[in-house]
Amino acid sequence: MKRAAGVAILVISLAGLAYAGTGPVLAHSMSVLQAAVLGVVEGLTEYLPVSSTGHLIITQYLLGLNSVSKEAADAYAICIQAGAIVAVLFLYFGRIRQMLASVVKPDPINHRLLLGIIVAFIPAAVLGVALKSHIIDKYLFGYWPVIAAWLVGGVVMLLIARQRRDIPPDAGKPLESLTVRGALFIGLLQCLSLWPGVSRSLTTIVAGAMLGLSIPAAVEFSFLLGLVTLGAATLYEGLKDGPLMIATYGWVTPLIGLAVACVAAVISVKWMVGYLNRHGIALFGYYRIALAIIAGALILSGILR
């Protein structure tokens, strides 16, 4: 819990420093420090089961970015996900190369894994396109929906951790045992993460654990599936609102955010894998619940509006 609290304090402190040091954000501008703060938040939280979207929504408010253009700020937050994608490409290059090679070279295990990732991606892709503009963006991108998702997700993680309290984190089936049907189940649960605050990592890791995968195996599949899911979301948002983002912030700050997000994601992923191999997922459940309580208190006190 101390490490999670430390991350939260670091993020909030950086956001406050950026806000105090730059003053109100003017149209067509974003400071280098603000870009770096968003990159740190995105990179540290993208693959942790704590919801990067929820963290970015609050950080954007603290930085005053929504006062310029909420659409541009949301597009920025999604487009710098490319940095987190590059981080996983780097860290899991060997596995990715094996899966791609299985298309032309007989390798049943990696070919099934590649097919599983494609199948798992489809439900969220279809539902996301169908619901994004008139339901997700309109009703769910707000403080209280995110807080509710943090709270419920935290409780679910603690329940899963309790069920597995006598089971070593690395106990369970290896990733190679995952069937295409099992991958589809993970993909269906990933649809829940279309609700900001739920966390794509949370749903996919929990789904993998429900299928009997070891926590490290569930985490690895979550990362690999994230390459496709995040890549598609980044491309979609870039084509839709990319011009508005560039017109508002220019080219330099998005590139800074992307680069910082990549470095932060490498650190976050390496720490998360090592931690989960030893301790399990309970820490993240406590973190989500604490964050929901703190954010709710800030809103009720009028600090967050």
C-alpha atoms as a PDB file:
ATOM      1  CA  MET A   1       0.000   0.000   0.000  1.00  0.00           C
ATOM      2  CA  LYS A   2       2.902   2.349   0.714  1.00  0.00           C
ATOM      3  CA  ARG A   3       4.241   1.969  -2.825  1.00  0.00           C
ATOM      4  CA  ALA A   4       0.837   2.660  -4.383  1.00  0.00           C
ATOM      5  CA  ALA A   5       0.365   5.684  -2.135  1.00  0.00           C
ATOM      6  CA  GLY A   6       3.819   6.876  -3.145  1.00  0.00           C
ATOM      7  CA  VAL A   7       2.879   6.715  -6.811  1.00  0.00           C
ATOM      8  CA  ALA A   8      -0.341   8.652  -6.142  1.00  0.00           C
ATOM      9  CA  ILE A   9       1.514  11.328  -4.169  1.00  0.00           C
ATOM     10  CA  LEU A  10       4.125  11.637  -6.922  1.00  0.00           C
ATOM     11  CA  VAL A  11       1.469  12.066  -9.610  1.00  0.00           C
ATOM     12  CA  ILE A  12      -0.544  14.610  -7.614  1.00  0.00           C
ATOM     13  CA  SER A  13       2.600  16.534  -6.645  1.00  0.00           C
ATOM     14  CA  LEU A  14       3.790  16.731 -10.238  1.00  0.00           C
ATOM     15  CA  ALA A  15       0.357  17.867 -11.365  1.00  0.00           C
ATOM     16  CA  GLY A  16       0.264  20.537  -8.692  1.00  0.00           C
ATOM     17  CA  LEU A  17       3.781  21.706  -9.595  1.00  0.00           C
ATOM     18  CA  ALA A  18       2.851  21.957 -13.252  1.00  0.00           C
ATOM     19  CA  TYR A  19      -0.339  23.864 -12.450  1.00  0.00           C
ATOM     20  CA  ALA A  20       1.366  26.283 -10.071  1.00  0.00           C
ATOM     21  CA  GLY A  21       4.360  26.799 -12.332  1.00  0.00           C
ATOM     22  CA  THR A  22       2.507  27.569 -15.555  1.00  0.00           C
ATOM     23  CA  GLY A  23      -0.668  29.355 -14.525  1.00  0.00           C
ATOM     24  CA  PRO A  24      -3.823  29.127 -16.628  1.00  0.00           C
ATOM     25  CA  VAL A  25      -3.453  27.223 -19.862  1.00  0.00           C
ATOM     26  CA  LEU A  26      -3.888  29.425 -22.919  1.00  0.00           C
ATOM     27  CA  ALA A  27      -5.393  28.261 -26.188  1.00  0.00           C
ATOM     28  CA  HIS A  28      -2.912  26.611 -28.526  1.00  0.00           C
ATOM     29  CA  SER A  29      -0.465  25.932 -25.689  1.00  0.00           C
ATOM     30  CA  MET A  30       0.684  23.252 -23.312  1.00  0.00           C
ATOM     31  CA  SER A  31       3.874  23.537 -21.330  1.00  0.00           C
ATOM     32  CA  VAL A  32       6.618  20.957 -21.514  1.00  0.00           C
ATOM     33  CA  LEU A  33       6.109  20.206 -17.824  1.00  0.00           C
ATOM     34  CA  GLN A  34       2.390  19.626 -18.294  1.00  0.00           C
ATOM     35  CA  ALA A  35       3.091  17.314 -21.230  1.00  0.00           C
ATOM     36  CA  ALA A  36       5.599  15.395 -19.119  1.00  0.00           C
ATOM     37  CA  VAL A  37       3.154  15.093 -16.211  1.00  0.00           C
ATOM     38  CA  LEU A  38       0.487  13.581 -18.461  1.00  0.00           C
ATOM     39  CA  GLY A  39       3.102  11.245 -19.925  1.00  0.00           C
ATOM     40  CA  VAL A  40       4.130  10.073 -16.454  1.00  0.00           C
ATOM     41  CA  VAL A  41       0.510   9.489 -15.421  1.00  0.00           C
ATOM     42  CA  GLU A  42      -0.293   7.614 -18.646  1.00  0.00           C
ATOM     43  CA  GLY A  43       2.852   5.473 -18.586  1.00  0.00           C
ATOM     44  CA  LEU A  44       2.651   4.540 -14.905  1.00  0.00           C
ATOM     45  CA  THR A  45      -1.041   3.663 -14.921  1.00  0.00           C
ATOM     46  CA  GLU A  46      -1.801   2.282 -18.402  1.00  0.00           C
ATOM     47  CA  TYR A  47      -0.934  -1.336 -17.626  1.00  0.00           C
ATOM     48  CA  LEU A  48      -1.630  -1.270 -13.895  1.00  0.00           C
ATOM     49  CA  PRO A  49      -5.189  -2.381 -12.992  1.00  0.00           C
ATOM     50  CA  VAL A  50      -6.051   1.083 -11.660  1.00  0.00           C
ATOM     51  CA  SER A  51      -7.428   2.821 -14.800  1.00  0.00           C
ATOM     52  CA  SER A  52      -5.204   5.259 -16.643  1.00  0.00           C
ATOM     53  CA  THR A  53      -8.304   7.035 -17.984  1.00  0.00           C
ATOM     54  CA  GLY A  54      -9.559   7.843 -14.489  1.00  0.00           C
ATOM     55  CA  HIS A  55      -6.172   9.190 -13.451  1.00  0.00           C
ATOM     56  CA  LEU A  56      -5.870  11.278 -16.609  1.00  0.00           C
ATOM     57  CA  ILE A  57      -9.342  12.805 -16.203  1.00  0.00           C
ATOM     58  CA  ILE A  58      -8.411  14.140 -12.762  1.00  0.00           C
ATOM     59  CA  THR A  59      -4.896  15.171 -13.835  1.00  0.00           C
ATOM     60  CA  GLN A  60      -6.291  17.104 -16.814  1.00  0.00           C
ATOM     61  CA  TYR A  61      -8.523  19.031 -14.430  1.00  0.00           C
ATOM     62  CA  LEU A  62      -5.634  19.794 -12.066  1.00  0.00           C
ATOM     63  CA  LEU A  63      -3.623  21.085 -15.020  1.00  0.00           C
ATOM     64  CA  GLY A  64      -6.535  23.193 -16.274  1.00  0.00           C
ATOM     65  CA  LEU A  65      -6.466  21.570 -19.697  1.00  0.00           C
ATOM     66  CA  ASN A  66     -10.216  21.010 -19.957  1.00  0.00           C
ATOM     67  CA  SER A  67     -10.763  24.765 -19.927  1.00  0.00           C
ATOM     68  CA  VAL A  68      -9.132  25.013 -23.351  1.00  0.00           C
ATOM     69  CA  SER A  69     -10.790  22.114 -25.179  1.00  0.00           C
ATOM     70  CA  LYS A  70     -12.014  18.940 -23.523  1.00  0.00           C
ATOM     71  CA  GLU A  71     -12.055  17.166 -26.891  1.00  0.00           C
ATOM     72  CA  ALA A  72      -8.419  18.080 -27.548  1.00  0.00           C
ATOM     73  CA  ALA A  73      -7.401  17.074 -24.012  1.00  0.00           C
ATOM     74  CA  ASP A  74      -9.158  13.697 -24.339  1.00  0.00           C
ATOM     75  CA  ALA A  75      -7.540  13.121 -27.742  1.00  0.00           C
ATOM     76  CA  TYR A  76      -4.132  13.959 -26.249  1.00  0.00           C
ATOM     77  CA  ALA A  77      -4.643  11.521 -23.377  1.00  0.00           C
ATOM     78  CA  ILE A  78      -5.495   8.708 -25.786  1.00  0.00           C
ATOM     79  CA  CYS A  79      -2.863   9.455 -28.422  1.00  0.00           C
ATOM     80  CA  ILE A  80       0.045   9.402 -25.963  1.00  0.00           C
ATOM     81  CA  GLN A  81      -0.947   5.782 -25.273  1.00  0.00           C
ATOM     82  CA  ALA A  82       1.331   5.102 -28.239  1.00  0.00           C
ATOM     83  CA  GLY A  83       4.233   5.494 -25.818  1.00  0.00           C
ATOM     84  CA  ALA A  84       2.887   2.683 -23.624  1.00  0.00           C
ATOM     85  CA  ILE A  85       2.382   0.544 -26.733  1.00  0.00           C
ATOM     86  CA  VAL A  86       6.015   1.001 -27.736  1.00  0.00           C
ATOM     87  CA  ALA A  87       7.086   0.019 -24.209  1.00  0.00           C
ATOM     88  CA  VAL A  88       5.324  -3.361 -24.420  1.00  0.00           C
ATOM     89  CA  LEU A  89       6.615  -3.918 -27.965  1.00  0.00           C
ATOM     90  CA  PHE A  90      10.101  -3.486 -26.541  1.00  0.00           C
ATOM     91  CA  LEU A  91       9.605  -5.622 -23.432  1.00  0.00           C
ATOM     92  CA  TYR A  92       7.770  -8.483 -25.177  1.00  0.00           C
ATOM     93  CA  PHE A  93       9.487  -8.366 -28.553  1.00  0.00           C
ATOM     94  CA  GLY A  94      10.472 -12.043 -28.381  1.00  0.00           C
ATOM     95  CA  ARG A  95       6.923 -13.273 -27.795  1.00  0.00           C
ATOM     96  CA  ILE A  96       5.499 -10.918 -30.423  1.00  0.00           C
ATOM     97  CA  ARG A  97       8.055 -12.062 -32.997  1.00  0.00           C
ATOM     98  CA  GLN A  98       7.176 -15.721 -32.309  1.00  0.00           C
ATOM     99  CA  MET A  99       3.454 -15.041 -32.752  1.00  0.00           C
ATOM    100  CA  LEU A 100       3.940 -13.173 -36.016  1.00  0.00           C
ATOM    101  CA  ALA A 101       6.322 -15.827 -37.312  1.00  0.00           C
ATOM    102  CA  SER A 102       3.665 -18.475 -36.636  1.00  0.00           C
ATOM    103  CA  VAL A 103       1.648 -17.073 -39.553  1.00  0.00           C
ATOM    104  CA  VAL A 104       4.148 -18.499 -42.059  1.00  0.00           C
ATOM    105  CA  LYS A 105       6.018 -21.019 -39.929  1.00  0.00           C
ATOM    106  CA  PRO A 106       4.232 -23.972 -38.259  1.00  0.00           C
ATOM    107  CA  ASP A 107       3.935 -23.184 -34.542  1.00  0.00           C
ATOM    108  CA  PRO A 108       0.537 -24.266 -33.180  1.00  0.00           C
ATOM    109  CA  ILE A 109       0.969 -22.718 -29.726  1.00  0.00           C
ATOM    110  CA  ASN A 110       1.951 -19.218 -30.837  1.00  0.00           C
ATOM    111  CA  HIS A 111      -0.476 -19.331 -33.755  1.00  0.00           C
ATOM    112  CA  ARG A 112      -3.330 -20.123 -31.333  1.00  0.00           C
ATOM    113  CA  LEU A 113      -2.169 -17.303 -29.062  1.00  0.00           C
ATOM    114  CA  LEU A 114      -2.139 -14.841 -31.974  1.00  0.00           C
ATOM    115  CA  LEU A 115      -5.609 -15.948 -33.024  1.00  0.00           C
ATOM    116  CA  GLY A 116      -6.762 -15.629 -29.418  1.00  0.00           C
ATOM    117  CA  ILE A 117      -5.583 -12.015 -29.237  1.00  0.00           C
ATOM    118  CA  ILE A 118      -7.441 -11.166 -32.447  1.00  0.00           C
ATOM    119  CA  VAL A 119     -10.628 -12.853 -31.205  1.00  0.00           C
ATOM    120  CA  ALA A 120     -10.354 -11.148 -27.793  1.00  0.00           C
ATOM    121  CA  PHE A 121      -9.988  -7.753 -29.443  1.00  0.00           C
ATOM    122  CA  ILE A 122     -13.160  -7.923 -31.560  1.00  0.00           C
ATOM    123  CA  PRO A 123     -15.908  -7.518 -28.873  1.00  0.00           C
ATOM    124  CA  ALA A 124     -14.516  -4.293 -27.395  1.00  0.00           C
ATOM    125  CA  ALA A 125     -13.749  -2.913 -30.862  1.00  0.00           C
ATOM    126  CA  VAL A 126     -17.311  -3.425 -32.069  1.00  0.00           C
ATOM    127  CA  LEU A 127     -18.955  -2.212 -28.867  1.00  0.00           C
ATOM    128  CA  GLY A 128     -16.576   0.720 -28.498  1.00  0.00           C
ATOM    129  CA  VAL A 129     -17.350   2.082 -31.962  1.00  0.00           C
ATOM    130  CA  ALA A 130     -21.077   1.574 -31.385  1.00  0.00           C
ATOM    131  CA  LEU A 131     -21.248   3.261 -27.981  1.00  0.00           C
ATOM    132  CA  LYS A 132     -18.375   5.738 -27.767  1.00  0.00           C
ATOM    133  CA  SER A 133     -19.863   8.999 -28.974  1.00  0.00           C
ATOM    134  CA  HIS A 134     -23.452   8.850 -27.712  1.00  0.00           C
ATOM    135  CA  ILE A 135     -23.068   6.894 -24.456  1.00  0.00           C
ATOM    136  CA  ILE A 136     -19.459   6.595 -23.263  1.00  0.00           C
ATOM    137  CA  ASP A 137     -18.323  10.161 -24.003  1.00  0.00           C
ATOM    138  CA  LYS A 138     -21.694  11.680 -23.081  1.00  0.00           C
ATOM    139  CA  TYR A 139     -22.479   9.919 -19.804  1.00  0.00           C
ATOM    140  CA  LEU A 140     -19.396   8.095 -18.481  1.00  0.00           C
ATOM    141  CA  PHE A 141     -16.531  10.589 -18.799  1.00  0.00           C
ATOM    142  CA  GLY A 142     -17.195  12.219 -15.447  1.00  0.00           C
ATOM    143  CA  TYR A 143     -15.903  12.093 -11.890  1.00  0.00           C
ATOM    144  CA  TRP A 144     -18.677  10.055 -10.282  1.00  0.00           C
ATOM    145  CA  PRO A 145     -18.799   7.297 -12.939  1.00  0.00           C
ATOM    146  CA  VAL A 146     -15.011   6.938 -12.622  1.00  0.00           C
ATOM    147  CA  ILE A 147     -15.164   6.880  -8.813  1.00  0.00           C
ATOM    148  CA  ALA A 148     -17.881   4.213  -8.883  1.00  0.00           C
ATOM    149  CA  ALA A 149     -15.755   2.122 -11.247  1.00  0.00           C
ATOM    150  CA  TRP A 150     -12.678   2.530  -9.033  1.00  0.00           C
ATOM    151  CA  LEU A 151     -14.622   1.437  -5.969  1.00  0.00           C
ATOM    152  CA  VAL A 152     -16.362  -1.584  -7.512  1.00  0.00           C
ATOM    153  CA  GLY A 153     -13.196  -2.689  -9.273  1.00  0.00           C
ATOM    154  CA  GLY A 154     -11.233  -2.471  -6.036  1.00  0.00           C
ATOM    155  CA  VAL A 155     -13.767  -4.642  -4.213  1.00  0.00           C
ATOM    156  CA  VAL A 156     -13.679  -7.217  -7.027  1.00  0.00           C
ATOM    157  CA  MET A 157      -9.879  -7.366  -6.877  1.00  0.00           C
ATOM    158  CA  LEU A 158      -9.935  -7.916  -3.122  1.00  0.00           C
ATOM    159  CA  LEU A 159     -12.471 -10.718  -3.535  1.00  0.00           C
ATOM    160  CA  ILE A 160     -10.273 -12.388  -6.162  1.00  0.00           C
ATOM    161  CA  ALA A 161      -7.227 -11.935  -3.922  1.00  0.00           C
ATOM    162  CA  ARG A 162      -9.104 -13.491  -0.996  1.00  0.00           C
ATOM    163  CA  GLN A 163     -10.065 -16.509  -3.077  1.00  0.00           C
ATOM    164  CA  ARG A 164      -6.417 -16.942  -4.059  1.00  0.00           C
ATOM    165  CA  ARG A 165      -4.870 -16.100  -0.672  1.00  0.00           C
ATOM    166  CA  ASP A 166      -3.537 -19.649  -0.188  1.00  0.00           C
ATOM    167  CA  ILE A 167      -2.437 -19.996  -3.812  1.00  0.00           C
ATOM    168  CA  PRO A 168       1.001 -18.742  -4.913  1.00  0.00           C
ATOM    169  CA  PRO A 169       0.678 -15.981  -7.568  1.00  0.00           C
ATOM    170  CA  ASP A 170       2.582 -18.062 -10.118  1.00  0.00           C
ATOM    171  CA  ALA A 171       0.353 -21.124  -9.566  1.00  0.00           C
ATOM    172  CA  GLY A 172      -2.053 -21.921 -12.367  1.00  0.00           C
ATOM    173  CA  LYS A 173      -2.073 -22.661 -16.061  1.00  0.00           C
ATOM    174  CA  PRO A 174       0.620 -21.211 -18.348  1.00  0.00           C
ATOM    175  CA  LEU A 175      -0.302 -18.785 -21.098  1.00  0.00           C
ATOM    176  CA  GLU A 176       0.311 -21.485 -23.709  1.00  0.00           C
ATOM    177  CA  SER A 177      -2.740 -23.376 -22.409  1.00  0.00           C
ATOM    178  CA  LEU A 178      -5.170 -20.558 -23.239  1.00  0.00           C
ATOM    179  CA  THR A 179      -7.730 -21.612 -25.848  1.00  0.00           C
ATOM    180  CA  VAL A 180      -9.419 -19.370 -28.401  1.00  0.00           C
ATOM    181  CA  ARG A 181     -12.690 -19.812 -26.480  1.00  0.00           C
ATOM    182  CA  GLY A 182     -10.944 -18.663 -23.311  1.00  0.00           C
ATOM    183  CA  ALA A 183      -9.515 -15.671 -25.168  1.00  0.00           C
ATOM    184  CA  LEU A 184     -13.029 -14.750 -26.310  1.00  0.00           C
ATOM    185  CA  PHE A 185     -14.170 -14.806 -22.666  1.00  0.00           C
ATOM    186  CA  ILE A 186     -11.351 -12.403 -21.775  1.00  0.00           C
ATOM    187  CA  GLY A 187     -12.345 -10.197 -24.695  1.00  0.00           C
ATOM    188  CA  LEU A 188     -15.962 -10.079 -23.571  1.00  0.00           C
ATOM    189  CA  LEU A 189     -14.962  -9.006 -20.071  1.00  0.00           C
ATOM    190  CA  GLN A 190     -12.636  -6.409 -21.585  1.00  0.00           C
ATOM    191  CA  CYS A 191     -15.804  -4.669 -22.839  1.00  0.00           C
ATOM    192  CA  LEU A 192     -16.471  -3.610 -19.245  1.00  0.00           C
ATOM    193  CA  SER A 193     -13.382  -1.396 -19.444  1.00  0.00           C
ATOM    194  CA  LEU A 194     -15.164   0.844 -21.937  1.00  0.00           C
ATOM    195  CA  TRP A 195     -16.568   2.396 -18.736  1.00  0.00           C
ATOM    196  CA  PRO A 196     -13.815   4.868 -17.737  1.00  0.00           C
ATOM    197  CA  GLY A 197     -12.303   3.918 -14.398  1.00  0.00           C
ATOM    198  CA  VAL A 198     -12.915   0.179 -14.710  1.00  0.00           C
ATOM    199  CA  SER A 199      -9.453  -0.485 -16.219  1.00  0.00           C
ATOM    200  CA  ARG A 200      -8.730  -2.682 -19.194  1.00  0.00           C
ATOM    201  CA  SER A 201      -5.919  -4.374 -17.273  1.00  0.00           C
ATOM    202  CA  LEU A 202      -8.262  -5.144 -14.381  1.00  0.00           C
ATOM    203  CA  THR A 203     -10.890  -6.856 -16.526  1.00  0.00           C
ATOM    204  CA  THR A 204      -8.437  -8.893 -18.575  1.00  0.00           C
ATOM    205  CA  ILE A 205      -6.322 -10.010 -15.609  1.00  0.00           C
ATOM    206  CA  VAL A 206      -9.399 -10.983 -13.593  1.00  0.00           C
ATOM    207  CA  ALA A 207     -10.826 -12.843 -16.594  1.00  0.00           C
ATOM    208  CA  GLY A 208      -7.571 -14.736 -17.037  1.00  0.00           C
ATOM    209  CA  ALA A 209      -7.508 -15.680 -13.362  1.00  0.00           C
ATOM    210  CA  MET A 210     -11.132 -16.901 -13.629  1.00  0.00           C
ATOM    211  CA  LEU A 211     -10.002 -19.209 -16.449  1.00  0.00           C
ATOM    212  CA  GLY A 212      -7.349 -20.706 -14.176  1.00  0.00           C
ATOM    213  CA  LEU A 213      -4.332 -18.922 -15.628  1.00  0.00           C
ATOM    214  CA  SER A 214      -1.538 -18.006 -13.263  1.00  0.00           C
ATOM    215  CA  ILE A 215      -1.423 -14.306 -12.455  1.00  0.00           C
ATOM    216  CA  PRO A 216       1.808 -13.794 -14.486  1.00  0.00           C
ATOM    217  CA  ALA A 217       0.195 -15.568 -17.471  1.00  0.00           C
ATOM    218  CA  ALA A 218      -2.971 -13.469 -17.186  1.00  0.00           C
ATOM    219  CA  VAL A 219      -0.853 -10.311 -16.965  1.00  0.00           C
ATOM    220  CA  GLU A 220       1.166 -11.223 -20.057  1.00  0.00           C
ATOM    221  CA  PHE A 221      -1.978 -11.859 -22.110  1.00  0.00           C
ATOM    222  CA  SER A 222      -3.386  -8.563 -20.847  1.00  0.00           C
ATOM    223  CA  PHE A 223      -0.271  -6.757 -22.077  1.00  0.00           C
ATOM    224  CA  LEU A 224      -0.327  -8.473 -25.479  1.00  0.00           C
ATOM    225  CA  LEU A 225      -4.041  -7.830 -25.947  1.00  0.00           C
ATOM    226  CA  GLY A 226      -3.410  -4.227 -24.945  1.00  0.00           C
ATOM    227  CA  LEU A 227      -1.107  -3.770 -27.929  1.00  0.00           C
ATOM    228  CA  VAL A 228      -4.010  -4.342 -30.303  1.00  0.00           C
ATOM    229  CA  THR A 229      -6.730  -2.676 -28.216  1.00  0.00           C
ATOM    230  CA  LEU A 230      -4.732   0.434 -27.358  1.00  0.00           C
ATOM    231  CA  GLY A 231      -3.271   0.608 -30.844  1.00  0.00           C
ATOM    232  CA  ALA A 232      -6.730   0.627 -32.420  1.00  0.00           C
ATOM    233  CA  ALA A 233      -8.036   3.216 -29.921  1.00  0.00           C
ATOM    234  CA  THR A 234      -5.022   5.460 -30.547  1.00  0.00           C
ATOM    235  CA  LEU A 235      -5.415   5.213 -34.318  1.00  0.00           C
ATOM    236  CA  TYR A 236      -9.169   5.877 -34.124  1.00  0.00           C
ATOM    237  CA  GLU A 237      -8.792   8.902 -31.865  1.00  0.00           C
ATOM    238  CA  GLY A 238      -5.846  10.214 -33.867  1.00  0.00           C
ATOM    239  CA  LEU A 239      -7.831  10.147 -37.100  1.00  0.00           C
ATOM    240  CA  LYS A 240     -10.948  11.629 -35.476  1.00  0.00           C
ATOM    241  CA  ASP A 241      -9.593  14.381 -33.212  1.00  0.00           C
ATOM    242  CA  GLY A 242      -5.871  14.391 -34.034  1.00  0.00           C
ATOM    243  CA  PRO A 243      -6.097  17.584 -36.122  1.00  0.00           C
ATOM    244  CA  LEU A 244      -7.877  19.367 -33.245  1.00  0.00           C
ATOM    245  CA  MET A 245      -5.207  18.134 -30.810  1.00  0.00           C
ATOM    246  CA  ILE A 246      -2.388  19.419 -33.036  1.00  0.00           C
ATOM    247  CA  ALA A 247      -4.161  22.724 -33.615  1.00  0.00           C
ATOM    248  CA  THR A 248      -4.563  23.140 -29.846  1.00  0.00           C
ATOM    249  CA  TYR A 249      -1.211  21.900 -28.551  1.00  0.00           C
ATOM    250  CA  GLY A 250       1.100  21.760 -31.564  1.00  0.00           C
ATOM    251  CA  TRP A 251       3.429  18.829 -32.349  1.00  0.00           C
ATOM    252  CA  VAL A 252       6.106  19.132 -29.677  1.00  0.00           C
ATOM    253  CA  THR A 253       4.106  18.486 -26.511  1.00  0.00           C
ATOM    254  CA  PRO A 254       2.315  15.365 -27.838  1.00  0.00           C
ATOM    255  CA  LEU A 255       5.716  13.928 -28.787  1.00  0.00           C
ATOM    256  CA  ILE A 256       7.067  14.749 -25.314  1.00  0.00           C
ATOM    257  CA  GLY A 257       4.062  13.107 -23.666  1.00  0.00           C
ATOM    258  CA  LEU A 258       4.487  10.031 -25.850  1.00  0.00           C
ATOM    259  CA  ALA A 259       8.202   9.699 -25.069  1.00  0.00           C
ATOM    260  CA  VAL A 260       7.717  10.167 -21.314  1.00  0.00           C
ATOM    261  CA  ALA A 261       4.819   7.693 -21.341  1.00  0.00           C
ATOM    262  CA  CYS A 262       7.060   5.104 -23.000  1.00  0.00           C
ATOM    263  CA  VAL A 263       9.777   5.390 -20.354  1.00  0.00           C
ATOM    264  CA  ALA A 264       7.261   5.431 -17.489  1.00  0.00           C
ATOM    265  CA  ALA A 265       5.450   2.395 -18.937  1.00  0.00           C
ATOM    266  CA  VAL A 266       8.678   0.383 -19.133  1.00  0.00           C
ATOM    267  CA  ILE A 267       9.324   1.102 -15.451  1.00  0.00           C
ATOM    268  CA  SER A 268       5.717   0.384 -14.489  1.00  0.00           C
ATOM    269  CA  VAL A 269       5.461  -2.891 -16.390  1.00  0.00           C
ATOM    270  CA  LYS A 270       8.762  -4.250 -15.084  1.00  0.00           C
ATOM    271  CA  TRP A 271       7.776  -3.361 -11.502  1.00  0.00           C
ATOM    272  CA  MET A 272       4.262  -4.783 -11.883  1.00  0.00           C
ATOM    273  CA  VAL A 273       5.444  -8.122 -13.277  1.00  0.00           C
ATOM    274  CA  GLY A 274       7.991  -8.525 -10.505  1.00  0.00           C
ATOM    275  CA  TYR A 275       5.515  -7.512  -7.813  1.00  0.00           C
ATOM    276  CA  LEU A 276       2.691  -9.780  -8.998  1.00  0.00           C
ATOM    277  CA  ASN A 277       5.039 -12.742  -9.240  1.00  0.00           C
ATOM    278  CA  ARG A 278       5.578 -12.414  -5.489  1.00  0.00           C
ATOM    279  CA  HIS A 279       2.522 -10.794  -3.933  1.00  0.00           C
ATOM    280  CA  GLY A 280      -0.657 -11.016  -6.011  1.00  0.00           C
ATOM    281  CA  ILE A 281      -3.254  -8.342  -6.793  1.00  0.00           C
ATOM    282  CA  ALA A 282      -4.605  -7.239  -3.383  1.00  0.00           C
ATOM    283  CA  LEU A 283      -2.474  -4.064  -3.307  1.00  0.00           C
ATOM    284  CA  PHE A 284      -4.223  -2.678  -6.369  1.00  0.00           C
ATOM    285  CA  GLY A 285      -7.643  -3.367  -4.880  1.00  0.00           C
ATOM    286  CA  TYR A 286      -6.786  -1.347  -1.772  1.00  0.00           C
ATOM    287  CA  TYR A 287      -5.319   1.411  -3.943  1.00  0.00           C
ATOM    288  CA  ARG A 288      -8.486   1.699  -6.057  1.00  0.00           C
ATOM    289  CA  ILE A 289     -10.749   1.882  -2.994  1.00  0.00           C
ATOM    290  CA  ALA A 290      -8.526   4.497  -1.317  1.00  0.00           C
ATOM    291  CA  LEU A 291      -8.406   6.543  -4.519  1.00  0.00           C
ATOM    292  CA  ALA A 292     -12.201   6.429  -4.873  1.00  0.00           C
ATOM    293  CA  ILE A 293     -12.657   7.647  -1.292  1.00  0.00           C
ATOM    294  CA  ILE A 294     -10.105  10.467  -1.699  1.00  0.00           C
ATOM    295  CA  ALA A 295     -11.528  11.618  -5.044  1.00  0.00           C
ATOM    296  CA  GLY A 296     -15.077  11.515  -3.699  1.00  0.00           C
ATOM    297  CA  ALA A 297     -14.054  13.588  -0.677  1.00  0.00           C
ATOM    298  CA  LEU A 298     -12.343  16.155  -2.936  1.00  0.00           C
ATOM    299  CA  ILE A 299     -15.501  16.520  -5.020  1.00  0.00           C
ATOM    300  CA  LEU A 300     -17.822  16.830  -2.033  1.00  0.00           C
ATOM    301  CA  SER A 301     -15.505  19.424  -0.505  1.00  0.00           C
ATOM    302  CA  GLY A 302     -15.556  21.447  -3.726  1.00  0.00           C
ATOM    303  CA  ILE A 303     -11.849  21.073  -4.521  1.00  0.00           C
ATOM    304  CA  LEU A 304     -12.652  19.044  -7.637  1.00  0.00           C
ATOM    305  CA  ARG A 305     -15.452  20.555  -9.705  1.00  0.00           C
END
